[in-house]
PDB file of N, CA and C in Angstrom:
ATOM      1  N   MET A   1     -56.158  21.024 -37.907  1.00  0.00           N
ATOM      2  CA  MET A   1     -55.450  19.875 -37.388  1.00  0.00           C
ATOM      3  C   MET A   1     -54.891  19.130 -38.450  1.00  0.00           C
ATOM      4  N   ARG A   2     -53.506  18.697 -38.391  1.00  0.00           N
ATOM      5  CA  ARG A   2     -53.124  17.841 -39.472  1.00  0.00           C
ATOM      6  C   ARG A   2     -53.261  16.415 -39.172  1.00  0.00           C
ATOM      7  N   ARG A   3     -53.175  15.802 -39.917  1.00  0.00           N
ATOM      8  CA  ARG A   3     -53.196  14.276 -39.595  1.00  0.00           C
ATOM      9  C   ARG A   3     -52.576  13.485 -40.854  1.00  0.00           C
ATOM     10  N   GLY A   4     -51.696  12.734 -40.505  1.00  0.00           N
ATOM     11  CA  GLY A   4     -50.862  12.108 -41.624  1.00  0.00           C
ATOM     12  C   GLY A   4     -49.840  13.038 -41.833  1.00  0.00           C
ATOM     13  N   GLY A   5     -49.204  12.780 -42.916  1.00  0.00           N
ATOM     14  CA  GLY A   5     -48.314  13.438 -43.581  1.00  0.00           C
ATOM     15  C   GLY A   5     -47.047  13.950 -42.474  1.00  0.00           C
ATOM     16  N   ARG A   6     -46.440  15.072 -42.712  1.00  0.00           N
ATOM     17  CA  ARG A   6     -45.319  15.365 -42.063  1.00  0.00           C
ATOM     18  C   ARG A   6     -45.785  15.978 -40.547  1.00  0.00           C
ATOM     19  N   PRO A   7     -45.064  15.952 -39.474  1.00  0.00           N
ATOM     20  CA  PRO A   7     -45.377  16.395 -38.330  1.00  0.00           C
ATOM     21  C   PRO A   7     -45.271  17.926 -38.334  1.00  0.00           C
ATOM     22  N   GLY A   8     -45.872  18.611 -37.448  1.00  0.00           N
ATOM     23  CA  GLY A   8     -45.883  19.831 -37.530  1.00  0.00           C
ATOM     24  C   GLY A   8     -44.434  20.551 -36.815  1.00  0.00           C
ATOM     25  N   LEU A   9     -44.106  21.627 -36.996  1.00  0.00           N
ATOM     26  CA  LEU A   9     -42.816  22.121 -36.219  1.00  0.00           C
ATOM     27  C   LEU A   9     -43.105  22.080 -34.820  1.00  0.00           C
ATOM     28  N   ILE A  10     -44.018  22.182 -34.163  1.00  0.00           N
ATOM     29  CA  ILE A  10     -43.970  22.037 -32.724  1.00  0.00           C
ATOM     30  C   ILE A  10     -43.678  20.326 -32.042  1.00  0.00           C
ATOM     31  N   GLY A  11     -44.378  19.506 -33.060  1.00  0.00           N
ATOM     32  CA  GLY A  11     -44.182  18.134 -32.939  1.00  0.00           C
ATOM     33  C   GLY A  11     -42.799  17.753 -32.850  1.00  0.00           C
ATOM     34  N   LEU A  12     -42.208  18.142 -34.092  1.00  0.00           N
ATOM     35  CA  LEU A  12     -40.774  17.914 -34.319  1.00  0.00           C
ATOM     36  C   LEU A  12     -39.875  18.454 -33.227  1.00  0.00           C
ATOM     37  N   ALA A  13     -40.137  19.770 -32.831  1.00  0.00           N
ATOM     38  CA  ALA A  13     -39.161  20.445 -31.570  1.00  0.00           C
ATOM     39  C   ALA A  13     -39.297  19.600 -30.598  1.00  0.00           C
ATOM     40  N   ALA A  14     -40.607  19.041 -29.958  1.00  0.00           N
ATOM     41  CA  ALA A  14     -40.752  18.311 -28.961  1.00  0.00           C
ATOM     42  C   ALA A  14     -40.078  16.912 -28.977  1.00  0.00           C
ATOM     43  N   ARG A  15     -40.081  16.508 -30.179  1.00  0.00           N
ATOM     44  CA  ARG A  15     -39.354  15.096 -30.439  1.00  0.00           C
ATOM     45  C   ARG A  15     -37.952  15.252 -30.128  1.00  0.00           C
ATOM     46  N   THR A  16     -37.405  16.236 -30.689  1.00  0.00           N
ATOM     47  CA  THR A  16     -35.900  16.552 -30.790  1.00  0.00           C
ATOM     48  C   THR A  16     -35.468  16.910 -29.194  1.00  0.00           C
ATOM     49  N   ALA A  17     -36.460  17.563 -28.617  1.00  0.00           N
ATOM     50  CA  ALA A  17     -36.059  17.869 -27.094  1.00  0.00           C
ATOM     51  C   ALA A  17     -36.422  16.601 -26.277  1.00  0.00           C
ATOM     52  N   VAL A  18     -37.110  15.641 -26.496  1.00  0.00           N
ATOM     53  CA  VAL A  18     -37.028  14.259 -26.003  1.00  0.00           C
ATOM     54  C   VAL A  18     -35.676  13.543 -26.105  1.00  0.00           C
ATOM     55  N   VAL A  19     -35.262  13.584 -27.323  1.00  0.00           N
ATOM     56  CA  VAL A  19     -34.269  12.752 -27.801  1.00  0.00           C
ATOM     57  C   VAL A  19     -32.989  13.326 -27.249  1.00  0.00           C
ATOM     58  N   ALA A  20     -32.841  14.623 -27.243  1.00  0.00           N
ATOM     59  CA  ALA A  20     -31.761  15.372 -26.698  1.00  0.00           C
ATOM     60  C   ALA A  20     -31.649  15.075 -25.156  1.00  0.00           C
ATOM     61  N   GLY A  21     -32.946  15.359 -24.452  1.00  0.00           N
ATOM     62  CA  GLY A  21     -32.878  15.214 -23.125  1.00  0.00           C
ATOM     63  C   GLY A  21     -32.405  13.721 -22.703  1.00  0.00           C
ATOM     64  N   THR A  22     -32.902  12.787 -23.410  1.00  0.00           N
ATOM     65  CA  THR A  22     -32.502  11.337 -23.156  1.00  0.00           C
ATOM     66  C   THR A  22     -31.043  11.107 -23.309  1.00  0.00           C
ATOM     67  N   ALA A  23     -30.464  11.763 -24.130  1.00  0.00           N
ATOM     68  CA  ALA A  23     -28.991  11.453 -24.614  1.00  0.00           C
ATOM     69  C   ALA A  23     -28.231  12.194 -23.557  1.00  0.00           C
ATOM     70  N   ASN A  24     -28.615  13.373 -23.038  1.00  0.00           N
ATOM     71  CA  ASN A  24     -27.981  14.254 -21.891  1.00  0.00           C
ATOM     72  C   ASN A  24     -28.003  13.432 -20.628  1.00  0.00           C
ATOM     73  N   ALA A  25     -29.239  12.598 -20.503  1.00  0.00           N
ATOM     74  CA  ALA A  25     -29.442  11.781 -19.130  1.00  0.00           C
ATOM     75  C   ALA A  25     -28.245  10.505 -19.318  1.00  0.00           C
ATOM     76  N   VAL A  26     -28.525   9.959 -20.279  1.00  0.00           N
ATOM     77  CA  VAL A  26     -27.551   8.626 -20.471  1.00  0.00           C
ATOM     78  C   VAL A  26     -26.111   9.107 -20.361  1.00  0.00           C
ATOM     79  N   GLY A  27     -25.714  10.233 -20.863  1.00  0.00           N
ATOM     80  CA  GLY A  27     -24.211  10.762 -21.005  1.00  0.00           C
ATOM     81  C   GLY A  27     -24.082  11.217 -19.418  1.00  0.00           C
ATOM     82  N   ASN A  28     -24.847  11.718 -18.781  1.00  0.00           N
ATOM     83  CA  ASN A  28     -24.458  11.990 -17.309  1.00  0.00           C
ATOM     84  C   ASN A  28     -24.556  10.707 -16.533  1.00  0.00           C
ATOM     85  N   ARG A  29     -25.219   9.928 -16.828  1.00  0.00           N
ATOM     86  CA  ARG A  29     -25.162   8.602 -16.019  1.00  0.00           C
ATOM     87  C   ARG A  29     -23.901   8.057 -16.238  1.00  0.00           C
ATOM     88  N   SER A  30     -23.340   7.816 -17.510  1.00  0.00           N
ATOM     89  CA  SER A  30     -22.143   7.162 -17.613  1.00  0.00           C
ATOM     90  C   SER A  30     -20.971   8.019 -17.076  1.00  0.00           C
ATOM     91  N   ALA A  31     -21.052   9.258 -16.995  1.00  0.00           N
ATOM     92  CA  ALA A  31     -20.208  10.370 -16.519  1.00  0.00           C
ATOM     93  C   ALA A  31     -20.003   9.889 -15.114  1.00  0.00           C
ATOM     94  N   ASN A  32     -21.237   9.763 -14.490  1.00  0.00           N
ATOM     95  CA  ASN A  32     -21.224   9.450 -12.980  1.00  0.00           C
ATOM     96  C   ASN A  32     -20.689   8.159 -12.593  1.00  0.00           C
ATOM     97  N   ARG A  33     -20.907   7.361 -13.289  1.00  0.00           N
ATOM     98  CA  ARG A  33     -20.443   6.041 -13.120  1.00  0.00           C
ATOM     99  C   ARG A  33     -18.892   5.929 -13.333  1.00  0.00           C
ATOM    100  N   ARG A  34     -18.503   6.347 -14.217  1.00  0.00           N
ATOM    101  CA  ARG A  34     -17.044   6.392 -14.396  1.00  0.00           C
ATOM    102  C   ARG A  34     -16.442   7.278 -13.091  1.00  0.00           C
ATOM    103  N   ALA A  35     -16.902   8.311 -12.818  1.00  0.00           N
ATOM    104  CA  ALA A  35     -16.461   9.066 -11.777  1.00  0.00           C
ATOM    105  C   ALA A  35     -16.206   8.213 -10.418  1.00  0.00           C
ATOM    106  N   GLU A  36     -17.598   7.472 -10.271  1.00  0.00           N
ATOM    107  CA  GLU A  36     -17.564   6.482  -9.010  1.00  0.00           C
ATOM    108  C   GLU A  36     -16.569   5.467  -9.065  1.00  0.00           C
ATOM    109  N   ALA A  37     -16.398   4.940 -10.278  1.00  0.00           N
ATOM    110  CA  ALA A  37     -15.350   3.993 -10.442  1.00  0.00           C
ATOM    111  C   ALA A  37     -13.873   4.536 -10.026  1.00  0.00           C
ATOM    112  N   GLN A  38     -13.636   5.532 -10.621  1.00  0.00           N
ATOM    113  CA  GLN A  38     -12.337   6.143 -10.304  1.00  0.00           C
ATOM    114  C   GLN A  38     -12.076   6.338  -8.765  1.00  0.00           C
ATOM    115  N   GLN A  39     -13.184   7.001  -8.223  1.00  0.00           N
ATOM    116  CA  GLN A  39     -13.024   7.267  -6.656  1.00  0.00           C
ATOM    117  C   GLN A  39     -12.956   5.906  -6.058  1.00  0.00           C
ATOM    118  N   ALA A  40     -13.605   4.850  -6.441  1.00  0.00           N
ATOM    119  CA  ALA A  40     -13.408   3.562  -5.850  1.00  0.00           C
ATOM    120  C   ALA A  40     -12.148   3.156  -6.120  1.00  0.00           C
ATOM    121  N   GLN A  41     -11.562   3.108  -7.025  1.00  0.00           N
ATOM    122  CA  GLN A  41     -10.087   2.582  -7.471  1.00  0.00           C
ATOM    123  C   GLN A  41      -9.111   3.566  -6.549  1.00  0.00           C
ATOM    124  N   ALA A  42      -9.148   4.852  -6.610  1.00  0.00           N
ATOM    125  CA  ALA A  42      -8.298   5.593  -5.852  1.00  0.00           C
ATOM    126  C   ALA A  42      -8.528   5.190  -4.214  1.00  0.00           C
ATOM    127  N   TYR A  43      -9.509   5.050  -3.819  1.00  0.00           N
ATOM    128  CA  TYR A  43      -9.706   4.619  -2.373  1.00  0.00           C
ATOM    129  C   TYR A  43      -9.087   3.422  -2.175  1.00  0.00           C
ATOM    130  N   GLN A  44      -9.298   2.364  -3.093  1.00  0.00           N
ATOM    131  CA  GLN A  44      -8.660   0.929  -2.877  1.00  0.00           C
ATOM    132  C   GLN A  44      -6.888   1.142  -3.064  1.00  0.00           C
ATOM    133  N   GLN A  45      -6.606   2.244  -3.736  1.00  0.00           N
ATOM    134  CA  GLN A  45      -5.140   2.223  -3.761  1.00  0.00           C
ATOM    135  C   GLN A  45      -4.647   2.837  -2.651  1.00  0.00           C
ATOM    136  N   GLN A  46      -5.375   3.850  -1.988  1.00  0.00           N
ATOM    137  CA  GLN A  46      -4.831   4.464  -0.874  1.00  0.00           C
ATOM    138  C   GLN A  46      -4.915   3.355   0.286  1.00  0.00           C
ATOM    139  N   GLN A  47      -5.976   2.448   0.573  1.00  0.00           N
ATOM    140  CA  GLN A  47      -6.063   1.490   1.444  1.00  0.00           C
ATOM    141  C   GLN A  47      -4.825   0.664   1.230  1.00  0.00           C
ATOM    142  N   ALA A  48      -4.460   0.072   0.216  1.00  0.00           N
ATOM    143  CA  ALA A  48      -3.470  -0.777  -0.031  1.00  0.00           C
ATOM    144  C   ALA A  48      -2.190  -0.112   0.355  1.00  0.00           C
ATOM    145  N   PHE A  49      -1.994   1.121  -0.056  1.00  0.00           N
ATOM    146  CA  PHE A  49      -0.697   1.830   0.437  1.00  0.00           C
ATOM    147  C   PHE A  49      -0.706   1.806   1.913  1.00  0.00           C
ATOM    148  N   GLN A  50      -1.729   2.296   2.645  1.00  0.00           N
ATOM    149  CA  GLN A  50      -1.726   2.232   3.995  1.00  0.00           C
ATOM    150  C   GLN A  50      -1.386   1.077   4.720  1.00  0.00           C
ATOM    151  N   GLN A  51      -1.966  -0.080   4.222  1.00  0.00           N
ATOM    152  CA  GLN A  51      -1.756  -1.474   4.781  1.00  0.00           C
ATOM    153  C   GLN A  51      -0.226  -1.750   4.456  1.00  0.00           C
ATOM    154  N   GLN A  52       0.315  -1.439   3.338  1.00  0.00           N
ATOM    155  CA  GLN A  52       1.640  -1.756   3.222  1.00  0.00           C
ATOM    156  C   GLN A  52       2.660  -0.857   4.093  1.00  0.00           C
ATOM    157  N   GLN A  53       2.214   0.145   4.318  1.00  0.00           N
ATOM    158  CA  GLN A  53       3.051   0.991   5.112  1.00  0.00           C
ATOM    159  C   GLN A  53       2.790   0.491   6.534  1.00  0.00           C
ATOM    160  N   ALA A  54       1.663   0.157   7.036  1.00  0.00           N
ATOM    161  CA  ALA A  54       1.587  -0.575   8.321  1.00  0.00           C
ATOM    162  C   ALA A  54       2.469  -1.805   8.527  1.00  0.00           C
ATOM    163  N   TYR A  55       2.465  -2.715   7.438  1.00  0.00           N
ATOM    164  CA  TYR A  55       3.082  -3.921   7.407  1.00  0.00           C
ATOM    165  C   TYR A  55       4.613  -3.701   7.388  1.00  0.00           C
ATOM    166  N   GLN A  56       5.153  -2.710   6.784  1.00  0.00           N
ATOM    167  CA  GLN A  56       6.509  -2.394   6.693  1.00  0.00           C
ATOM    168  C   GLN A  56       7.027  -1.890   8.221  1.00  0.00           C
ATOM    169  N   GLN A  57       6.247  -0.945   8.703  1.00  0.00           N
ATOM    170  CA  GLN A  57       6.506  -0.750  10.080  1.00  0.00           C
ATOM    171  C   GLN A  57       6.376  -1.725  11.052  1.00  0.00           C
ATOM    172  N   GLN A  58       5.688  -2.754  10.904  1.00  0.00           N
ATOM    173  CA  GLN A  58       5.600  -3.828  11.927  1.00  0.00           C
ATOM    174  C   GLN A  58       6.747  -4.908  11.547  1.00  0.00           C
ATOM    175  N   ALA A  59       7.222  -4.709  10.401  1.00  0.00           N
ATOM    176  CA  ALA A  59       8.166  -5.811   9.961  1.00  0.00           C
ATOM    177  C   ALA A  59       9.707  -5.240  10.154  1.00  0.00           C
ATOM    178  N   ALA A  60       9.698  -3.913  10.379  1.00  0.00           N
ATOM    179  CA  ALA A  60      10.910  -3.201  10.362  1.00  0.00           C
ATOM    180  C   ALA A  60      11.902  -3.791  11.486  1.00  0.00           C
ATOM    181  N   PRO A  61      13.136  -4.032  11.286  1.00  0.00           N
ATOM    182  CA  PRO A  61      13.843  -4.855  12.269  1.00  0.00           C
ATOM    183  C   PRO A  61      14.273  -3.855  13.449  1.00  0.00           C
ATOM    184  N   PRO A  62      14.394  -4.458  14.807  1.00  0.00           N
ATOM    185  CA  PRO A  62      14.683  -3.494  15.969  1.00  0.00           C
ATOM    186  C   PRO A  62      15.994  -2.764  15.580  1.00  0.00           C
ATOM    187  N   ALA A  63      16.226  -1.555  16.185  1.00  0.00           N
ATOM    188  CA  ALA A  63      17.510  -1.009  16.209  1.00  0.00           C
ATOM    189  C   ALA A  63      18.721  -1.701  16.786  1.00  0.00           C
ATOM    190  N   PRO A  64      19.590  -1.792  16.367  1.00  0.00           N
ATOM    191  CA  PRO A  64      20.886  -2.690  17.012  1.00  0.00           C
ATOM    192  C   PRO A  64      21.211  -1.990  18.329  1.00  0.00           C
ATOM    193  N   ALA A  65      21.651  -2.773  19.299  1.00  0.00           N
ATOM    194  CA  ALA A  65      21.959  -2.364  20.621  1.00  0.00           C
ATOM    195  C   ALA A  65      23.150  -1.795  20.539  1.00  0.00           C
ATOM    196  N   ALA A  66      23.406  -0.573  21.452  1.00  0.00           N
ATOM    197  CA  ALA A  66      24.542   0.137  21.445  1.00  0.00           C
ATOM    198  C   ALA A  66      25.814  -0.878  22.124  1.00  0.00           C
ATOM    199  N   PRO A  67      26.834  -0.725  21.626  1.00  0.00           N
ATOM    200  CA  PRO A  67      28.027  -1.553  21.832  1.00  0.00           C
ATOM    201  C   PRO A  67      28.431  -1.214  23.337  1.00  0.00           C
ATOM    202  N   PRO A  68      28.897  -2.083  24.246  1.00  0.00           N
ATOM    203  CA  PRO A  68      29.106  -1.713  25.553  1.00  0.00           C
ATOM    204  C   PRO A  68      30.372  -0.464  25.742  1.00  0.00           C
ATOM    205  N   ALA A  69      30.106   0.175  26.674  1.00  0.00           N
ATOM    206  CA  ALA A  69      31.212   1.411  26.876  1.00  0.00           C
ATOM    207  C   ALA A  69      32.601   0.895  26.967  1.00  0.00           C
ATOM    208  N   GLY A  70      32.767  -0.173  27.843  1.00  0.00           N
ATOM    209  CA  GLY A  70      34.093  -0.453  28.266  1.00  0.00           C
ATOM    210  C   GLY A  70      34.893  -1.576  27.086  1.00  0.00           C
ATOM    211  N   GLY A  71      36.177  -1.155  26.587  1.00  0.00           N
ATOM    212  CA  GLY A  71      36.726  -1.712  25.838  1.00  0.00           C
ATOM    213  C   GLY A  71      37.113  -3.294  26.150  1.00  0.00           C
ATOM    214  N   SER A  72      37.690  -3.274  27.391  1.00  0.00           N
ATOM    215  CA  SER A  72      38.220  -4.540  27.994  1.00  0.00           C
ATOM    216  C   SER A  72      36.823  -5.459  28.297  1.00  0.00           C
ATOM    217  N   ASP A  73      35.920  -4.794  28.602  1.00  0.00           N
ATOM    218  CA  ASP A  73      34.436  -5.735  28.682  1.00  0.00           C
ATOM    219  C   ASP A  73      34.199  -6.437  27.531  1.00  0.00           C
ATOM    220  N   MET A  74      34.219  -5.732  26.582  1.00  0.00           N
ATOM    221  CA  MET A  74      34.044  -6.426  25.163  1.00  0.00           C
ATOM    222  C   MET A  74      34.840  -7.484  24.809  1.00  0.00           C
ATOM    223  N   ILE A  75      36.252  -7.131  25.153  1.00  0.00           N
ATOM    224  CA  ILE A  75      37.230  -8.177  24.684  1.00  0.00           C
ATOM    225  C   ILE A  75      37.086  -9.423  25.638  1.00  0.00           C
ATOM    226  N   ALA A  76      36.596  -9.257  26.946  1.00  0.00           N
ATOM    227  CA  ALA A  76      36.210 -10.466  27.700  1.00  0.00           C
ATOM    228  C   ALA A  76      35.096 -11.060  27.247  1.00  0.00           C
ATOM    229  N   GLU A  77      34.016 -10.429  26.771  1.00  0.00           N
ATOM    230  CA  GLU A  77      32.737 -10.945  26.264  1.00  0.00           C
ATOM    231  C   GLU A  77      33.175 -11.948  25.076  1.00  0.00           C
ATOM    232  N   LEU A  78      34.038 -11.216  24.047  1.00  0.00           N
ATOM    233  CA  LEU A  78      34.239 -11.975  22.953  1.00  0.00           C
ATOM    234  C   LEU A  78      35.143 -13.192  23.131  1.00  0.00           C
ATOM    235  N   THR A  79      36.082 -13.106  24.184  1.00  0.00           N
ATOM    236  CA  THR A  79      36.723 -14.282  24.525  1.00  0.00           C
ATOM    237  C   THR A  79      35.738 -15.572  25.004  1.00  0.00           C
ATOM    238  N   LYS A  80      34.789 -15.056  26.081  1.00  0.00           N
ATOM    239  CA  LYS A  80      33.856 -16.225  26.330  1.00  0.00           C
ATOM    240  C   LYS A  80      33.088 -16.652  25.315  1.00  0.00           C
ATOM    241  N   LEU A  81      32.624 -15.747  24.143  1.00  0.00           N
ATOM    242  CA  LEU A  81      31.946 -16.463  23.249  1.00  0.00           C
ATOM    243  C   LEU A  81      32.691 -17.541  22.465  1.00  0.00           C
ATOM    244  N   ALA A  82      34.118 -17.035  22.204  1.00  0.00           N
ATOM    245  CA  ALA A  82      35.024 -17.818  21.416  1.00  0.00           C
ATOM    246  C   ALA A  82      35.286 -19.286  22.199  1.00  0.00           C
ATOM    247  N   ASP A  83      35.217 -19.075  23.654  1.00  0.00           N
ATOM    248  CA  ASP A  83      35.665 -20.269  24.337  1.00  0.00           C
ATOM    249  C   ASP A  83      34.197 -21.288  24.250  1.00  0.00           C
ATOM    250  N   LEU A  84      32.946 -20.460  24.342  1.00  0.00           N
ATOM    251  CA  LEU A  84      31.829 -21.415  24.141  1.00  0.00           C
ATOM    252  C   LEU A  84      31.785 -22.103  22.744  1.00  0.00           C
ATOM    253  N   HIS A  85      32.103 -21.285  21.756  1.00  0.00           N
ATOM    254  CA  HIS A  85      32.274 -21.895  20.417  1.00  0.00           C
ATOM    255  C   HIS A  85      32.951 -23.000  20.250  1.00  0.00           C
ATOM    256  N   THR A  86      34.246 -22.895  20.755  1.00  0.00           N
ATOM    257  CA  THR A  86      35.321 -23.799  20.873  1.00  0.00           C
ATOM    258  C   THR A  86      34.950 -25.004  21.491  1.00  0.00           C
ATOM    259  N   GLN A  87      34.308 -24.855  22.639  1.00  0.00           N
ATOM    260  CA  GLN A  87      33.579 -25.976  23.468  1.00  0.00           C
ATOM    261  C   GLN A  87      32.544 -26.789  22.602  1.00  0.00           C
ATOM    262  N   GLY A  88      32.001 -26.285  21.686  1.00  0.00           N
ATOM    263  CA  GLY A  88      30.832 -26.806  20.981  1.00  0.00           C
ATOM    264  C   GLY A  88      29.319 -26.379  21.444  1.00  0.00           C
ATOM    265  N   LEU A  89      29.460 -25.620  22.468  1.00  0.00           N
ATOM    266  CA  LEU A  89      28.408 -25.201  22.967  1.00  0.00           C
ATOM    267  C   LEU A  89      27.399 -24.043  22.258  1.00  0.00           C
ATOM    268  N   LEU A  90      28.267 -23.558  21.268  1.00  0.00           N
ATOM    269  CA  LEU A  90      27.492 -22.425  20.269  1.00  0.00           C
ATOM    270  C   LEU A  90      27.920 -23.076  19.063  1.00  0.00           C
ATOM    271  N   ASN A  91      27.028 -23.284  18.051  1.00  0.00           N
ATOM    272  CA  ASN A  91      27.279 -23.420  16.704  1.00  0.00           C
ATOM    273  C   ASN A  91      27.667 -22.183  15.931  1.00  0.00           C
ATOM    274  N   ASP A  92      28.333 -22.374  14.562  1.00  0.00           N
ATOM    275  CA  ASP A  92      28.750 -21.213  13.975  1.00  0.00           C
ATOM    276  C   ASP A  92      27.976 -19.994  13.842  1.00  0.00           C
ATOM    277  N   GLN A  93      26.451 -20.372  13.555  1.00  0.00           N
ATOM    278  CA  GLN A  93      25.475 -19.559  13.433  1.00  0.00           C
ATOM    279  C   GLN A  93      25.072 -18.687  14.787  1.00  0.00           C
ATOM    280  N   GLU A  94      25.207 -19.371  15.790  1.00  0.00           N
ATOM    281  CA  GLU A  94      24.886 -18.671  17.126  1.00  0.00           C
ATOM    282  C   GLU A  94      26.070 -17.784  17.495  1.00  0.00           C
ATOM    283  N   PHE A  95      27.214 -18.478  17.339  1.00  0.00           N
ATOM    284  CA  PHE A  95      28.257 -17.542  17.549  1.00  0.00           C
ATOM    285  C   PHE A  95      28.485 -16.298  16.655  1.00  0.00           C
ATOM    286  N   ALA A  96      28.153 -16.396  15.552  1.00  0.00           N
ATOM    287  CA  ALA A  96      28.120 -15.269  14.564  1.00  0.00           C
ATOM    288  C   ALA A  96      27.040 -14.031  15.205  1.00  0.00           C
ATOM    289  N   ALA A  97      26.041 -14.670  15.357  1.00  0.00           N
ATOM    290  CA  ALA A  97      24.788 -13.683  15.715  1.00  0.00           C
ATOM    291  C   ALA A  97      25.304 -13.101  17.344  1.00  0.00           C
ATOM    292  N   ALA A  98      25.733 -13.930  18.239  1.00  0.00           N
ATOM    293  CA  ALA A  98      26.036 -13.217  19.342  1.00  0.00           C
ATOM    294  C   ALA A  98      27.320 -12.172  19.115  1.00  0.00           C
ATOM    295  N   LYS A  99      28.194 -12.665  18.600  1.00  0.00           N
ATOM    296  CA  LYS A  99      29.334 -11.585  18.118  1.00  0.00           C
ATOM    297  C   LYS A  99      28.685 -10.270  17.517  1.00  0.00           C
ATOM    298  N   ALA A 100      28.006 -10.509  16.359  1.00  0.00           N
ATOM    299  CA  ALA A 100      27.458  -9.274  15.916  1.00  0.00           C
ATOM    300  C   ALA A 100      26.583  -8.378  16.736  1.00  0.00           C
ATOM    301  N   GLN A 101      25.932  -9.134  17.759  1.00  0.00           N
ATOM    302  CA  GLN A 101      25.022  -8.354  18.565  1.00  0.00           C
ATOM    303  C   GLN A 101      25.907  -7.569  19.741  1.00  0.00           C
ATOM    304  N   LEU A 102      26.916  -8.193  20.046  1.00  0.00           N
ATOM    305  CA  LEU A 102      28.065  -7.634  21.017  1.00  0.00           C
ATOM    306  C   LEU A 102      28.831  -6.617  20.431  1.00  0.00           C
ATOM    307  N   LEU A 103      28.948  -6.614  19.116  1.00  0.00           N
ATOM    308  CA  LEU A 103      29.683  -5.400  18.364  1.00  0.00           C
ATOM    309  C   LEU A 103      28.714  -4.561  17.814  1.00  0.00           C
ATOM    310  N   GLY A 104      27.527  -4.888  17.943  1.00  0.00           N
ATOM    311  CA  GLY A 104      26.698  -3.731  17.528  1.00  0.00           C
ATOM    312  C   GLY A 104      26.461  -3.692  16.039  1.00  0.00           C
ATOM    313  N   THR A 105      26.762  -4.765  15.185  1.00  0.00           N
ATOM    314  CA  THR A 105      26.814  -4.718  13.809  1.00  0.00           C
ATOM    315  C   THR A 105      25.592  -5.473  13.238  1.00  0.00           C
TER     316      THR A 105
END
């Protein structure tokens, strides 16, 4: 049995194996943490994208109404709107909005 001095070949090999195993375990743990962080970030981005899509679908303006089929009816409606505007019953903004709705623009 050796005491003191340099360690034997088996002791050196065992010590090297312990150091290598510890380094390997630490490296694997770091890699696992990075992978988990990347997965969490990707999940958050996906959730944010889905929320944005849902918001945009809710906030989308309704499709404009189809204009009336009869041309003379449209002229009569525009005339009524103009009379209401002239009488002061519709302000400029209300008149423009009603006219745009009637024309389908």
